[in-house]
Amino acid sequence: MSAVEELKTILNELRSEQNIEICAVISRNGIPLAYELPDSVHIDAFSTLSATILGASEVIYSGLGKTVPQRVMIESNGTNYIAMGVGPKALLVAMSSTDSTSLVIKIENAAERIREVLSHGK
């Protein structure tokens, strides 16, 4: 199984376990690597903007001499967004109506598996 296929499997499992509408592994510069999302979502725009959100937060923190954030969460009425690094070259992003605590736990578990896939460079 290729790395992309492994990533898609992890994302598919993540999406089916939780009420996750969108989940994607994208490069730090916004290129989609693997994703599970509705047809109505434009993956290129979603990926580029997600990389920008996480990258901007890392610049803010490092510019202030702080440790870069492990993840960025955006909460709105009924929907949560989370972006987190899964290595030096990629990030995991998800949107869900699941409560933020449950979402973080599921994303952390998936992120660990994704890091493993990416570290093997298949």
PDB file of N, CA and C in Angstrom:
ATOM      1  N   MET A   1       0.845  -1.172   0.000  1.00  0.00           N
ATOM      2  CA  MET A   1       0.000   0.000   0.000  1.00  0.00           C
ATOM      3  C   MET A   1       0.896   1.243   0.000  1.00  0.00           C
ATOM      4  N   SER A   2       0.577   2.216  -0.851  1.00  0.00           N
ATOM      5  CA  SER A   2       1.370   3.438  -0.926  1.00  0.00           C
ATOM      6  C   SER A   2       1.078   4.335   0.281  1.00  0.00           C
ATOM      7  N   ALA A   3       1.936   5.321   0.509  1.00  0.00           N
ATOM      8  CA  ALA A   3       1.744   6.248   1.625  1.00  0.00           C
ATOM      9  C   ALA A   3       0.430   7.005   1.480  1.00  0.00           C
ATOM     10  N   VAL A   4       0.099   7.430   0.270  1.00  0.00           N
ATOM     11  CA  VAL A   4      -1.159   8.158   0.049  1.00  0.00           C
ATOM     12  C   VAL A   4      -2.354   7.264   0.376  1.00  0.00           C
ATOM     13  N   GLU A   5      -2.289   6.007  -0.025  1.00  0.00           N
ATOM     14  CA  GLU A   5      -3.372   5.072   0.288  1.00  0.00           C
ATOM     15  C   GLU A   5      -3.500   4.874   1.800  1.00  0.00           C
ATOM     16  N   GLU A   6      -2.358   4.773   2.485  1.00  0.00           N
ATOM     17  CA  GLU A   6      -2.390   4.639   3.947  1.00  0.00           C
ATOM     18  C   GLU A   6      -2.998   5.875   4.599  1.00  0.00           C
ATOM     19  N   LEU A   7      -2.618   7.049   4.107  1.00  0.00           N
ATOM     20  CA  LEU A   7      -3.176   8.294   4.647  1.00  0.00           C
ATOM     21  C   LEU A   7      -4.677   8.356   4.421  1.00  0.00           C
ATOM     22  N   LYS A   8      -5.128   7.976   3.239  1.00  0.00           N
ATOM     23  CA  LYS A   8      -6.560   7.985   2.933  1.00  0.00           C
ATOM     24  C   LYS A   8      -7.319   7.017   3.831  1.00  0.00           C
ATOM     25  N   THR A   9      -6.722   5.879   4.119  1.00  0.00           N
ATOM     26  CA  THR A   9      -7.352   4.908   5.019  1.00  0.00           C
ATOM     27  C   THR A   9      -7.522   5.505   6.412  1.00  0.00           C
ATOM     28  N   ILE A  10      -6.476   6.147   6.912  1.00  0.00           N
ATOM     29  CA  ILE A  10      -6.545   6.775   8.240  1.00  0.00           C
ATOM     30  C   ILE A  10      -7.617   7.863   8.252  1.00  0.00           C
ATOM     31  N   LEU A  11      -7.652   8.693   7.222  1.00  0.00           N
ATOM     32  CA  LEU A  11      -8.637   9.769   7.160  1.00  0.00           C
ATOM     33  C   LEU A  11     -10.056   9.221   7.041  1.00  0.00           C
ATOM     34  N   ASN A  12     -10.225   8.154   6.272  1.00  0.00           N
ATOM     35  CA  ASN A  12     -11.540   7.535   6.132  1.00  0.00           C
ATOM     36  C   ASN A  12     -12.021   7.001   7.478  1.00  0.00           C
ATOM     37  N   GLU A  13     -11.129   6.352   8.220  1.00  0.00           N
ATOM     38  CA  GLU A  13     -11.476   5.838   9.550  1.00  0.00           C
ATOM     39  C   GLU A  13     -11.823   6.989  10.492  1.00  0.00           C
ATOM     40  N   LEU A  14     -11.032   8.052  10.434  1.00  0.00           N
ATOM     41  CA  LEU A  14     -11.284   9.219  11.279  1.00  0.00           C
ATOM     42  C   LEU A  14     -12.650   9.819  10.967  1.00  0.00           C
ATOM     43  N   ARG A  15     -12.941   9.959   9.715  1.00  0.00           N
ATOM     44  CA  ARG A  15     -14.212  10.559   9.295  1.00  0.00           C
ATOM     45  C   ARG A  15     -15.399   9.687   9.702  1.00  0.00           C
ATOM     46  N   SER A  16     -15.243   8.380   9.646  1.00  0.00           N
ATOM     47  CA  SER A  16     -16.358   7.492   9.987  1.00  0.00           C
ATOM     48  C   SER A  16     -16.551   7.355  11.497  1.00  0.00           C
ATOM     49  N   GLU A  17     -15.491   7.515  12.289  1.00  0.00           N
ATOM     50  CA  GLU A  17     -15.591   7.377  13.744  1.00  0.00           C
ATOM     51  C   GLU A  17     -16.269   8.570  14.395  1.00  0.00           C
ATOM     52  N   GLN A  18     -16.024   9.736  13.883  1.00  0.00           N
ATOM     53  CA  GLN A  18     -16.562  10.968  14.443  1.00  0.00           C
ATOM     54  C   GLN A  18     -17.489  11.604  13.429  1.00  0.00           C
ATOM     55  N   ASN A  19     -18.146  12.643  13.837  1.00  0.00           N
ATOM     56  CA  ASN A  19     -18.986  13.396  12.913  1.00  0.00           C
ATOM     57  C   ASN A  19     -18.104  14.431  12.214  1.00  0.00           C
ATOM     58  N   ILE A  20     -17.081  13.951  11.516  1.00  0.00           N
ATOM     59  CA  ILE A  20     -16.119  14.820  10.858  1.00  0.00           C
ATOM     60  C   ILE A  20     -16.534  15.004   9.408  1.00  0.00           C
ATOM     61  N   GLU A  21     -16.727  16.256   9.045  1.00  0.00           N
ATOM     62  CA  GLU A  21     -17.173  16.582   7.698  1.00  0.00           C
ATOM     63  C   GLU A  21     -16.008  16.632   6.721  1.00  0.00           C
ATOM     64  N   ILE A  22     -14.892  17.177   7.192  1.00  0.00           N
ATOM     65  CA  ILE A  22     -13.718  17.373   6.344  1.00  0.00           C
ATOM     66  C   ILE A  22     -12.489  16.955   7.122  1.00  0.00           C
ATOM     67  N   CYS A  23     -11.614  16.179   6.505  1.00  0.00           N
ATOM     68  CA  CYS A  23     -10.300  15.925   7.095  1.00  0.00           C
ATOM     69  C   CYS A  23      -9.304  15.770   5.948  1.00  0.00           C
ATOM     70  N   ALA A  24      -8.116  16.314   6.165  1.00  0.00           N
ATOM     71  CA  ALA A  24      -7.123  16.308   5.097  1.00  0.00           C
ATOM     72  C   ALA A  24      -5.717  16.350   5.668  1.00  0.00           C
ATOM     73  N   VAL A  25      -4.805  15.729   4.953  1.00  0.00           N
ATOM     74  CA  VAL A  25      -3.374  15.880   5.213  1.00  0.00           C
ATOM     75  C   VAL A  25      -2.869  16.747   4.068  1.00  0.00           C
ATOM     76  N   ILE A  26      -2.249  17.857   4.429  1.00  0.00           N
ATOM     77  CA  ILE A  26      -1.763  18.784   3.411  1.00  0.00           C
ATOM     78  C   ILE A  26      -0.324  19.173   3.709  1.00  0.00           C
ATOM     79  N   SER A  27       0.373  19.586   2.678  1.00  0.00           N
ATOM     80  CA  SER A  27       1.752  20.039   2.874  1.00  0.00           C
ATOM     81  C   SER A  27       1.736  21.397   3.556  1.00  0.00           C
ATOM     82  N   ARG A  28       2.849  21.773   4.141  1.00  0.00           N
ATOM     83  CA  ARG A  28       2.959  23.065   4.821  1.00  0.00           C
ATOM     84  C   ARG A  28       2.758  24.240   3.869  1.00  0.00           C
ATOM     85  N   ASN A  29       2.947  24.011   2.578  1.00  0.00           N
ATOM     86  CA  ASN A  29       2.709  25.090   1.625  1.00  0.00           C
ATOM     87  C   ASN A  29       1.336  24.981   0.949  1.00  0.00           C
ATOM     88  N   GLY A  30       0.471  24.112   1.457  1.00  0.00           N
ATOM     89  CA  GLY A  30      -0.924  24.087   1.038  1.00  0.00           C
ATOM     90  C   GLY A  30      -1.307  23.115  -0.057  1.00  0.00           C
ATOM     91  N   ILE A  31      -0.453  22.177  -0.361  1.00  0.00           N
ATOM     92  CA  ILE A  31      -0.781  21.186  -1.393  1.00  0.00           C
ATOM     93  C   ILE A  31      -1.470  19.985  -0.733  1.00  0.00           C
ATOM     94  N   PRO A  32      -2.670  19.613  -1.205  1.00  0.00           N
ATOM     95  CA  PRO A  32      -3.361  18.470  -0.609  1.00  0.00           C
ATOM     96  C   PRO A  32      -2.641  17.159  -0.921  1.00  0.00           C
ATOM     97  N   LEU A  33      -2.416  16.354   0.113  1.00  0.00           N
ATOM     98  CA  LEU A  33      -1.753  15.057  -0.051  1.00  0.00           C
ATOM     99  C   LEU A  33      -2.775  13.917  -0.027  1.00  0.00           C
ATOM    100  N   ALA A  34      -3.738  14.015   0.888  1.00  0.00           N
ATOM    101  CA  ALA A  34      -4.814  13.022   1.010  1.00  0.00           C
ATOM    102  C   ALA A  34      -5.968  13.711   1.721  1.00  0.00           C
ATOM    103  N   TYR A  35      -7.201  13.357   1.356  1.00  0.00           N
ATOM    104  CA  TYR A  35      -8.331  14.043   1.973  1.00  0.00           C
ATOM    105  C   TYR A  35      -9.610  13.230   1.853  1.00  0.00           C
ATOM    106  N   GLU A  36     -10.524  13.529   2.769  1.00  0.00           N
ATOM    107  CA  GLU A  36     -11.874  12.976   2.794  1.00  0.00           C
ATOM    108  C   GLU A  36     -12.787  14.163   3.027  1.00  0.00           C
ATOM    109  N   LEU A  37     -13.605  14.496   2.035  1.00  0.00           N
ATOM    110  CA  LEU A  37     -14.466  15.663   2.158  1.00  0.00           C
ATOM    111  C   LEU A  37     -15.629  15.596   1.192  1.00  0.00           C
ATOM    112  N   PRO A  38     -16.656  16.410   1.460  1.00  0.00           N
ATOM    113  CA  PRO A  38     -17.800  16.443   0.528  1.00  0.00           C
ATOM    114  C   PRO A  38     -17.380  17.025  -0.818  1.00  0.00           C
ATOM    115  N   ASP A  39     -18.112  16.666  -1.861  1.00  0.00           N
ATOM    116  CA  ASP A  39     -17.817  17.159  -3.202  1.00  0.00           C
ATOM    117  C   ASP A  39     -17.903  18.676  -3.306  1.00  0.00           C
ATOM    118  N   SER A  40     -18.675  19.295  -2.434  1.00  0.00           N
ATOM    119  CA  SER A  40     -18.879  20.739  -2.509  1.00  0.00           C
ATOM    120  C   SER A  40     -17.673  21.550  -2.016  1.00  0.00           C
ATOM    121  N   VAL A  41     -16.705  20.897  -1.383  1.00  0.00           N
ATOM    122  CA  VAL A  41     -15.535  21.599  -0.843  1.00  0.00           C
ATOM    123  C   VAL A  41     -14.451  21.677  -1.912  1.00  0.00           C
ATOM    124  N   HIS A  42     -13.928  22.867  -2.107  1.00  0.00           N
ATOM    125  CA  HIS A  42     -12.830  23.078  -3.056  1.00  0.00           C
ATOM    126  C   HIS A  42     -11.520  22.810  -2.306  1.00  0.00           C
ATOM    127  N   ILE A  43     -10.929  21.652  -2.519  1.00  0.00           N
ATOM    128  CA  ILE A  43      -9.782  21.205  -1.738  1.00  0.00           C
ATOM    129  C   ILE A  43      -8.573  22.129  -1.860  1.00  0.00           C
ATOM    130  N   ASP A  44      -8.340  22.689  -3.028  1.00  0.00           N
ATOM    131  CA  ASP A  44      -7.166  23.554  -3.190  1.00  0.00           C
ATOM    132  C   ASP A  44      -7.270  24.803  -2.319  1.00  0.00           C
ATOM    133  N   ALA A  45      -8.426  25.450  -2.311  1.00  0.00           N
ATOM    134  CA  ALA A  45      -8.619  26.640  -1.480  1.00  0.00           C
ATOM    135  C   ALA A  45      -8.561  26.270  -0.001  1.00  0.00           C
ATOM    136  N   PHE A  46      -9.229  25.168   0.368  1.00  0.00           N
ATOM    137  CA  PHE A  46      -9.230  24.725   1.765  1.00  0.00           C
ATOM    138  C   PHE A  46      -7.805  24.442   2.243  1.00  0.00           C
ATOM    139  N   SER A  47      -7.024  23.755   1.425  1.00  0.00           N
ATOM    140  CA  SER A  47      -5.656  23.395   1.791  1.00  0.00           C
ATOM    141  C   SER A  47      -4.762  24.633   1.936  1.00  0.00           C
ATOM    142  N   THR A  48      -4.847  25.519   0.956  1.00  0.00           N
ATOM    143  CA  THR A  48      -4.010  26.721   0.989  1.00  0.00           C
ATOM    144  C   THR A  48      -4.322  27.576   2.210  1.00  0.00           C
ATOM    145  N   LEU A  49      -5.598  27.776   2.473  1.00  0.00           N
ATOM    146  CA  LEU A  49      -5.983  28.605   3.609  1.00  0.00           C
ATOM    147  C   LEU A  49      -5.654  27.934   4.942  1.00  0.00           C
ATOM    148  N   SER A  50      -5.793  26.630   5.020  1.00  0.00           N
ATOM    149  CA  SER A  50      -5.445  25.910   6.250  1.00  0.00           C
ATOM    150  C   SER A  50      -3.955  26.011   6.545  1.00  0.00           C
ATOM    151  N   ALA A  51      -3.127  25.855   5.524  1.00  0.00           N
ATOM    152  CA  ALA A  51      -1.680  26.002   5.709  1.00  0.00           C
ATOM    153  C   ALA A  51      -1.344  27.418   6.147  1.00  0.00           C
ATOM    154  N   THR A  52      -2.051  28.395   5.614  1.00  0.00           N
ATOM    155  CA  THR A  52      -1.826  29.790   5.983  1.00  0.00           C
ATOM    156  C   THR A  52      -2.191  30.034   7.443  1.00  0.00           C
ATOM    157  N   ILE A  53      -3.316  29.492   7.884  1.00  0.00           N
ATOM    158  CA  ILE A  53      -3.750  29.677   9.278  1.00  0.00           C
ATOM    159  C   ILE A  53      -2.715  29.115  10.246  1.00  0.00           C
ATOM    160  N   LEU A  54      -2.297  27.878  10.030  1.00  0.00           N
ATOM    161  CA  LEU A  54      -1.322  27.271  10.937  1.00  0.00           C
ATOM    162  C   LEU A  54       0.025  27.972  10.827  1.00  0.00           C
ATOM    163  N   GLY A  55       0.465  28.251   9.603  1.00  0.00           N
ATOM    164  CA  GLY A  55       1.749  28.915   9.412  1.00  0.00           C
ATOM    165  C   GLY A  55       1.780  30.289  10.049  1.00  0.00           C
ATOM    166  N   ALA A  56       0.703  31.054   9.916  1.00  0.00           N
ATOM    167  CA  ALA A  56       0.647  32.387  10.510  1.00  0.00           C
ATOM    168  C   ALA A  56       0.718  32.315  12.029  1.00  0.00           C
ATOM    169  N   SER A  57       0.034  31.359  12.613  1.00  0.00           N
ATOM    170  CA  SER A  57       0.081  31.232  14.076  1.00  0.00           C
ATOM    171  C   SER A  57       1.484  30.863  14.544  1.00  0.00           C
ATOM    172  N   GLU A  58       2.171  30.023  13.781  1.00  0.00           N
ATOM    173  CA  GLU A  58       3.544  29.661  14.147  1.00  0.00           C
ATOM    174  C   GLU A  58       4.472  30.872  14.060  1.00  0.00           C
ATOM    175  N   VAL A  59       4.283  31.719  13.053  1.00  0.00           N
ATOM    176  CA  VAL A  59       5.091  32.929  12.908  1.00  0.00           C
ATOM    177  C   VAL A  59       4.826  33.887  14.064  1.00  0.00           C
ATOM    178  N   ILE A  60       3.559  34.053  14.426  1.00  0.00           N
ATOM    179  CA  ILE A  60       3.212  34.934  15.549  1.00  0.00           C
ATOM    180  C   ILE A  60       3.900  34.468  16.825  1.00  0.00           C
ATOM    181  N   TYR A  61       3.765  33.205  17.131  1.00  0.00           N
ATOM    182  CA  TYR A  61       4.344  32.670  18.362  1.00  0.00           C
ATOM    183  C   TYR A  61       5.869  32.752  18.356  1.00  0.00           C
ATOM    184  N   SER A  62       6.493  32.322  17.280  1.00  0.00           N
ATOM    185  CA  SER A  62       7.957  32.352  17.242  1.00  0.00           C
ATOM    186  C   SER A  62       8.468  33.790  17.261  1.00  0.00           C
ATOM    187  N   GLY A  63       7.734  34.716  16.642  1.00  0.00           N
ATOM    188  CA  GLY A  63       8.112  36.120  16.671  1.00  0.00           C
ATOM    189  C   GLY A  63       8.060  36.717  18.064  1.00  0.00           C
ATOM    190  N   LEU A  64       7.250  36.136  18.919  1.00  0.00           N
ATOM    191  CA  LEU A  64       7.151  36.585  20.308  1.00  0.00           C
ATOM    192  C   LEU A  64       8.062  35.776  21.241  1.00  0.00           C
ATOM    193  N   GLY A  65       8.867  34.902  20.646  1.00  0.00           N
ATOM    194  CA  GLY A  65       9.776  34.091  21.452  1.00  0.00           C
ATOM    195  C   GLY A  65       9.088  32.958  22.189  1.00  0.00           C
ATOM    196  N   LYS A  66       7.913  32.573  21.740  1.00  0.00           N
ATOM    197  CA  LYS A  66       7.148  31.490  22.371  1.00  0.00           C
ATOM    198  C   LYS A  66       7.298  30.203  21.572  1.00  0.00           C
ATOM    199  N   THR A  67       7.042  29.097  22.227  1.00  0.00           N
ATOM    200  CA  THR A  67       7.014  27.812  21.542  1.00  0.00           C
ATOM    201  C   THR A  67       5.833  27.815  20.576  1.00  0.00           C
ATOM    202  N   VAL A  68       6.067  27.324  19.354  1.00  0.00           N
ATOM    203  CA  VAL A  68       4.983  27.317  18.369  1.00  0.00           C
ATOM    204  C   VAL A  68       3.834  26.440  18.862  1.00  0.00           C
ATOM    205  N   PRO A  69       2.609  26.789  18.498  1.00  0.00           N
ATOM    206  CA  PRO A  69       1.459  26.015  18.976  1.00  0.00           C
ATOM    207  C   PRO A  69       1.438  24.597  18.405  1.00  0.00           C
ATOM    208  N   GLN A  70       0.937  23.670  19.214  1.00  0.00           N
ATOM    209  CA  GLN A  70       0.784  22.290  18.765  1.00  0.00           C
ATOM    210  C   GLN A  70      -0.350  22.169  17.768  1.00  0.00           C
ATOM    211  N   ARG A  71      -1.356  23.024  17.953  1.00  0.00           N
ATOM    212  CA  ARG A  71      -2.523  22.997  17.069  1.00  0.00           C
ATOM    213  C   ARG A  71      -3.220  24.347  17.139  1.00  0.00           C
ATOM    214  N   VAL A  72      -4.028  24.595  16.124  1.00  0.00           N
ATOM    215  CA  VAL A  72      -4.865  25.786  16.088  1.00  0.00           C
ATOM    216  C   VAL A  72      -6.306  25.306  16.004  1.00  0.00           C
ATOM    217  N   MET A  73      -7.150  25.851  16.878  1.00  0.00           N
ATOM    218  CA  MET A  73      -8.570  25.500  16.864  1.00  0.00           C
ATOM    219  C   MET A  73      -9.388  26.753  16.634  1.00  0.00           C
ATOM    220  N   ILE A  74     -10.415  26.598  15.826  1.00  0.00           N
ATOM    221  CA  ILE A  74     -11.375  27.660  15.603  1.00  0.00           C
ATOM    222  C   ILE A  74     -12.742  27.074  15.920  1.00  0.00           C
ATOM    223  N   GLU A  75     -13.452  27.729  16.817  1.00  0.00           N
ATOM    224  CA  GLU A  75     -14.770  27.247  17.211  1.00  0.00           C
ATOM    225  C   GLU A  75     -15.829  28.234  16.757  1.00  0.00           C
ATOM    226  N   SER A  76     -16.845  27.715  16.115  1.00  0.00           N
ATOM    227  CA  SER A  76     -18.000  28.535  15.757  1.00  0.00           C
ATOM    228  C   SER A  76     -19.244  27.828  16.277  1.00  0.00           C
ATOM    229  N   ASN A  77     -20.360  28.416  16.069  1.00  0.00           N
ATOM    230  CA  ASN A  77     -21.600  27.831  16.558  1.00  0.00           C
ATOM    231  C   ASN A  77     -21.871  26.501  15.852  1.00  0.00           C
ATOM    232  N   GLY A  78     -21.545  25.408  16.530  1.00  0.00           N
ATOM    233  CA  GLY A  78     -21.850  24.086  15.997  1.00  0.00           C
ATOM    234  C   GLY A  78     -20.767  23.424  15.176  1.00  0.00           C
ATOM    235  N   THR A  79     -19.658  24.122  14.882  1.00  0.00           N
ATOM    236  CA  THR A  79     -18.592  23.524  14.078  1.00  0.00           C
ATOM    237  C   THR A  79     -17.235  23.875  14.671  1.00  0.00           C
ATOM    238  N   ASN A  80     -16.355  22.906  14.706  1.00  0.00           N
ATOM    239  CA  ASN A  80     -14.993  23.106  15.185  1.00  0.00           C
ATOM    240  C   ASN A  80     -14.009  22.783  14.076  1.00  0.00           C
ATOM    241  N   TYR A  81     -12.957  23.572  14.013  1.00  0.00           N
ATOM    242  CA  TYR A  81     -11.879  23.413  13.027  1.00  0.00           C
ATOM    243  C   TYR A  81     -10.587  23.211  13.808  1.00  0.00           C
ATOM    244  N   ILE A  82      -9.777  22.284  13.377  1.00  0.00           N
ATOM    245  CA  ILE A  82      -8.492  22.054  14.024  1.00  0.00           C
ATOM    246  C   ILE A  82      -7.436  21.800  12.955  1.00  0.00           C
ATOM    247  N   ALA A  83      -6.281  22.398  13.148  1.00  0.00           N
ATOM    248  CA  ALA A  83      -5.131  22.169  12.269  1.00  0.00           C
ATOM    249  C   ALA A  83      -3.933  21.915  13.162  1.00  0.00           C
ATOM    250  N   MET A  84      -3.172  20.881  12.835  1.00  0.00           N
ATOM    251  CA  MET A  84      -1.984  20.568  13.636  1.00  0.00           C
ATOM    252  C   MET A  84      -0.897  19.978  12.763  1.00  0.00           C
ATOM    253  N   GLY A  85       0.333  20.263  13.132  1.00  0.00           N
ATOM    254  CA  GLY A  85       1.455  19.717  12.400  1.00  0.00           C
ATOM    255  C   GLY A  85       1.566  18.217  12.603  1.00  0.00           C
ATOM    256  N   VAL A  86       1.942  17.526  11.538  1.00  0.00           N
ATOM    257  CA  VAL A  86       2.193  16.083  11.617  1.00  0.00           C
ATOM    258  C   VAL A  86       3.583  15.806  11.045  1.00  0.00           C
ATOM    259  N   GLY A  87       4.496  16.663  11.390  1.00  0.00           N
ATOM    260  CA  GLY A  87       5.859  16.572  10.897  1.00  0.00           C
ATOM    261  C   GLY A  87       6.288  17.904  10.321  1.00  0.00           C
ATOM    262  N   PRO A  88       7.534  17.978   9.895  1.00  0.00           N
ATOM    263  CA  PRO A  88       8.055  19.254   9.406  1.00  0.00           C
ATOM    264  C   PRO A  88       7.486  19.690   8.061  1.00  0.00           C
ATOM    265  N   LYS A  89       6.849  18.775   7.338  1.00  0.00           N
ATOM    266  CA  LYS A  89       6.386  19.110   5.994  1.00  0.00           C
ATOM    267  C   LYS A  89       4.884  18.985   5.784  1.00  0.00           C
ATOM    268  N   ALA A  90       4.126  18.595   6.816  1.00  0.00           N
ATOM    269  CA  ALA A  90       2.697  18.345   6.607  1.00  0.00           C
ATOM    270  C   ALA A  90       1.871  18.722   7.832  1.00  0.00           C
ATOM    271  N   LEU A  91       0.572  18.860   7.609  1.00  0.00           N
ATOM    272  CA  LEU A  91      -0.358  19.110   8.691  1.00  0.00           C
ATOM    273  C   LEU A  91      -1.644  18.337   8.456  1.00  0.00           C
ATOM    274  N   LEU A  92      -2.353  18.113   9.553  1.00  0.00           N
ATOM    275  CA  LEU A  92      -3.647  17.445   9.543  1.00  0.00           C
ATOM    276  C   LEU A  92      -4.692  18.487   9.888  1.00  0.00           C
ATOM    277  N   VAL A  93      -5.761  18.528   9.110  1.00  0.00           N
ATOM    278  CA  VAL A  93      -6.823  19.498   9.313  1.00  0.00           C
ATOM    279  C   VAL A  93      -8.153  18.753   9.346  1.00  0.00           C
ATOM    280  N   ALA A  94      -9.049  19.196  10.243  1.00  0.00           N
ATOM    281  CA  ALA A  94     -10.380  18.585  10.308  1.00  0.00           C
ATOM    282  C   ALA A  94     -11.417  19.619  10.716  1.00  0.00           C
ATOM    283  N   MET A  95     -12.633  19.418  10.235  1.00  0.00           N
ATOM    284  CA  MET A  95     -13.790  20.212  10.650  1.00  0.00           C
ATOM    285  C   MET A  95     -14.882  19.248  11.057  1.00  0.00           C
ATOM    286  N   SER A  96     -15.536  19.573  12.188  1.00  0.00           N
ATOM    287  CA  SER A  96     -16.526  18.648  12.717  1.00  0.00           C
ATOM    288  C   SER A  96     -17.517  19.364  13.619  1.00  0.00           C
ATOM    289  N   SER A  97     -18.691  18.783  13.750  1.00  0.00           N
ATOM    290  CA  SER A  97     -19.666  19.277  14.719  1.00  0.00           C
ATOM    291  C   SER A  97     -19.473  18.593  16.077  1.00  0.00           C
ATOM    292  N   THR A  98     -18.481  17.698  16.164  1.00  0.00           N
ATOM    293  CA  THR A  98     -18.141  17.027  17.416  1.00  0.00           C
ATOM    294  C   THR A  98     -17.609  18.055  18.405  1.00  0.00           C
ATOM    295  N   ASP A  99     -17.872  17.843  19.695  1.00  0.00           N
ATOM    296  CA  ASP A  99     -17.349  18.782  20.686  1.00  0.00           C
ATOM    297  C   ASP A  99     -15.825  18.807  20.612  1.00  0.00           C
ATOM    298  N   SER A 100     -15.241  19.938  20.958  1.00  0.00           N
ATOM    299  CA  SER A 100     -13.814  20.153  20.737  1.00  0.00           C
ATOM    300  C   SER A 100     -12.929  19.176  21.502  1.00  0.00           C
ATOM    301  N   THR A 101     -13.311  18.780  22.708  1.00  0.00           N
ATOM    302  CA  THR A 101     -12.485  17.843  23.482  1.00  0.00           C
ATOM    303  C   THR A 101     -12.398  16.492  22.784  1.00  0.00           C
ATOM    304  N   SER A 102     -13.531  15.961  22.356  1.00  0.00           N
ATOM    305  CA  SER A 102     -13.535  14.682  21.651  1.00  0.00           C
ATOM    306  C   SER A 102     -12.781  14.776  20.333  1.00  0.00           C
ATOM    307  N   LEU A 103     -12.941  15.900  19.646  1.00  0.00           N
ATOM    308  CA  LEU A 103     -12.262  16.088  18.371  1.00  0.00           C
ATOM    309  C   LEU A 103     -10.747  16.084  18.554  1.00  0.00           C
ATOM    310  N   VAL A 104     -10.252  16.777  19.568  1.00  0.00           N
ATOM    311  CA  VAL A 104      -8.807  16.826  19.816  1.00  0.00           C
ATOM    312  C   VAL A 104      -8.256  15.431  20.068  1.00  0.00           C
ATOM    313  N   ILE A 105      -8.949  14.640  20.862  1.00  0.00           N
ATOM    314  CA  ILE A 105      -8.487  13.277  21.168  1.00  0.00           C
ATOM    315  C   ILE A 105      -8.401  12.446  19.892  1.00  0.00           C
ATOM    316  N   LYS A 106      -9.443  12.485  19.074  1.00  0.00           N
ATOM    317  CA  LYS A 106      -9.448  11.697  17.835  1.00  0.00           C
ATOM    318  C   LYS A 106      -8.383  12.185  16.857  1.00  0.00           C
ATOM    319  N   ILE A 107      -8.217  13.491  16.766  1.00  0.00           N
ATOM    320  CA  ILE A 107      -7.219  14.057  15.858  1.00  0.00           C
ATOM    321  C   ILE A 107      -5.808  13.695  16.332  1.00  0.00           C
ATOM    322  N   GLU A 108      -5.567  13.757  17.624  1.00  0.00           N
ATOM    323  CA  GLU A 108      -4.249  13.387  18.161  1.00  0.00           C
ATOM    324  C   GLU A 108      -3.910  11.938  17.818  1.00  0.00           C
ATOM    325  N   ASN A 109      -4.880  11.049  17.965  1.00  0.00           N
ATOM    326  CA  ASN A 109      -4.647   9.636  17.648  1.00  0.00           C
ATOM    327  C   ASN A 109      -4.354   9.444  16.161  1.00  0.00           C
ATOM    328  N   ALA A 110      -5.128  10.090  15.311  1.00  0.00           N
ATOM    329  CA  ALA A 110      -4.896   9.997  13.861  1.00  0.00           C
ATOM    330  C   ALA A 110      -3.557  10.624  13.491  1.00  0.00           C
ATOM    331  N   ALA A 111      -3.216  11.743  14.125  1.00  0.00           N
ATOM    332  CA  ALA A 111      -1.957  12.437  13.827  1.00  0.00           C
ATOM    333  C   ALA A 111      -0.755  11.543  14.106  1.00  0.00           C
ATOM    334  N   GLU A 112      -0.823  10.784  15.169  1.00  0.00           N
ATOM    335  CA  GLU A 112       0.286   9.881  15.496  1.00  0.00           C
ATOM    336  C   GLU A 112       0.473   8.836  14.403  1.00  0.00           C
ATOM    337  N   ARG A 113      -0.618   8.291  13.921  1.00  0.00           N
ATOM    338  CA  ARG A 113      -0.546   7.305  12.835  1.00  0.00           C
ATOM    339  C   ARG A 113      -0.031   7.946  11.545  1.00  0.00           C
ATOM    340  N   ILE A 114      -0.462   9.167  11.276  1.00  0.00           N
ATOM    341  CA  ILE A 114      -0.028   9.873  10.062  1.00  0.00           C
ATOM    342  C   ILE A 114       1.455  10.175  10.128  1.00  0.00           C
ATOM    343  N   ARG A 115       1.929  10.611  11.292  1.00  0.00           N
ATOM    344  CA  ARG A 115       3.378  10.866  11.461  1.00  0.00           C
ATOM    345  C   ARG A 115       4.190   9.609  11.144  1.00  0.00           C
ATOM    346  N   GLU A 116       3.679   8.483  11.591  1.00  0.00           N
ATOM    347  CA  GLU A 116       4.369   7.210  11.340  1.00  0.00           C
ATOM    348  C   GLU A 116       4.448   6.920   9.840  1.00  0.00           C
ATOM    349  N   VAL A 117       3.343   7.115   9.141  1.00  0.00           N
ATOM    350  CA  VAL A 117       3.326   6.885   7.687  1.00  0.00           C
ATOM    351  C   VAL A 117       4.293   7.828   6.997  1.00  0.00           C
ATOM    352  N   LEU A 118       4.237   9.112   7.355  1.00  0.00           N
ATOM    353  CA  LEU A 118       5.091  10.106   6.701  1.00  0.00           C
ATOM    354  C   LEU A 118       6.575   9.900   7.019  1.00  0.00           C
ATOM    355  N   SER A 119       6.874   9.406   8.194  1.00  0.00           N
ATOM    356  CA  SER A 119       8.274   9.207   8.579  1.00  0.00           C
ATOM    357  C   SER A 119       8.923   8.038   7.829  1.00  0.00           C
ATOM    358  N   HIS A 120       8.099   7.115   7.347  1.00  0.00           N
ATOM    359  CA  HIS A 120       8.646   5.976   6.598  1.00  0.00           C
ATOM    360  C   HIS A 120       8.904   6.324   5.142  1.00  0.00           C
ATOM    361  N   GLY A 121       8.349   7.443   4.686  1.00  0.00           N
ATOM    362  CA  GLY A 121       8.608   7.917   3.331  1.00  0.00           C
ATOM    363  C   GLY A 121       8.247   6.942   2.237  1.00  0.00           C
ATOM    364  N   LYS A 122       7.140   6.233   2.438  1.00  0.00           N
ATOM    365  CA  LYS A 122       6.720   5.249   1.425  1.00  0.00           C
ATOM    366  C   LYS A 122       6.263   5.919   0.173  1.00  0.00           C
TER     367      LYS A 122
END
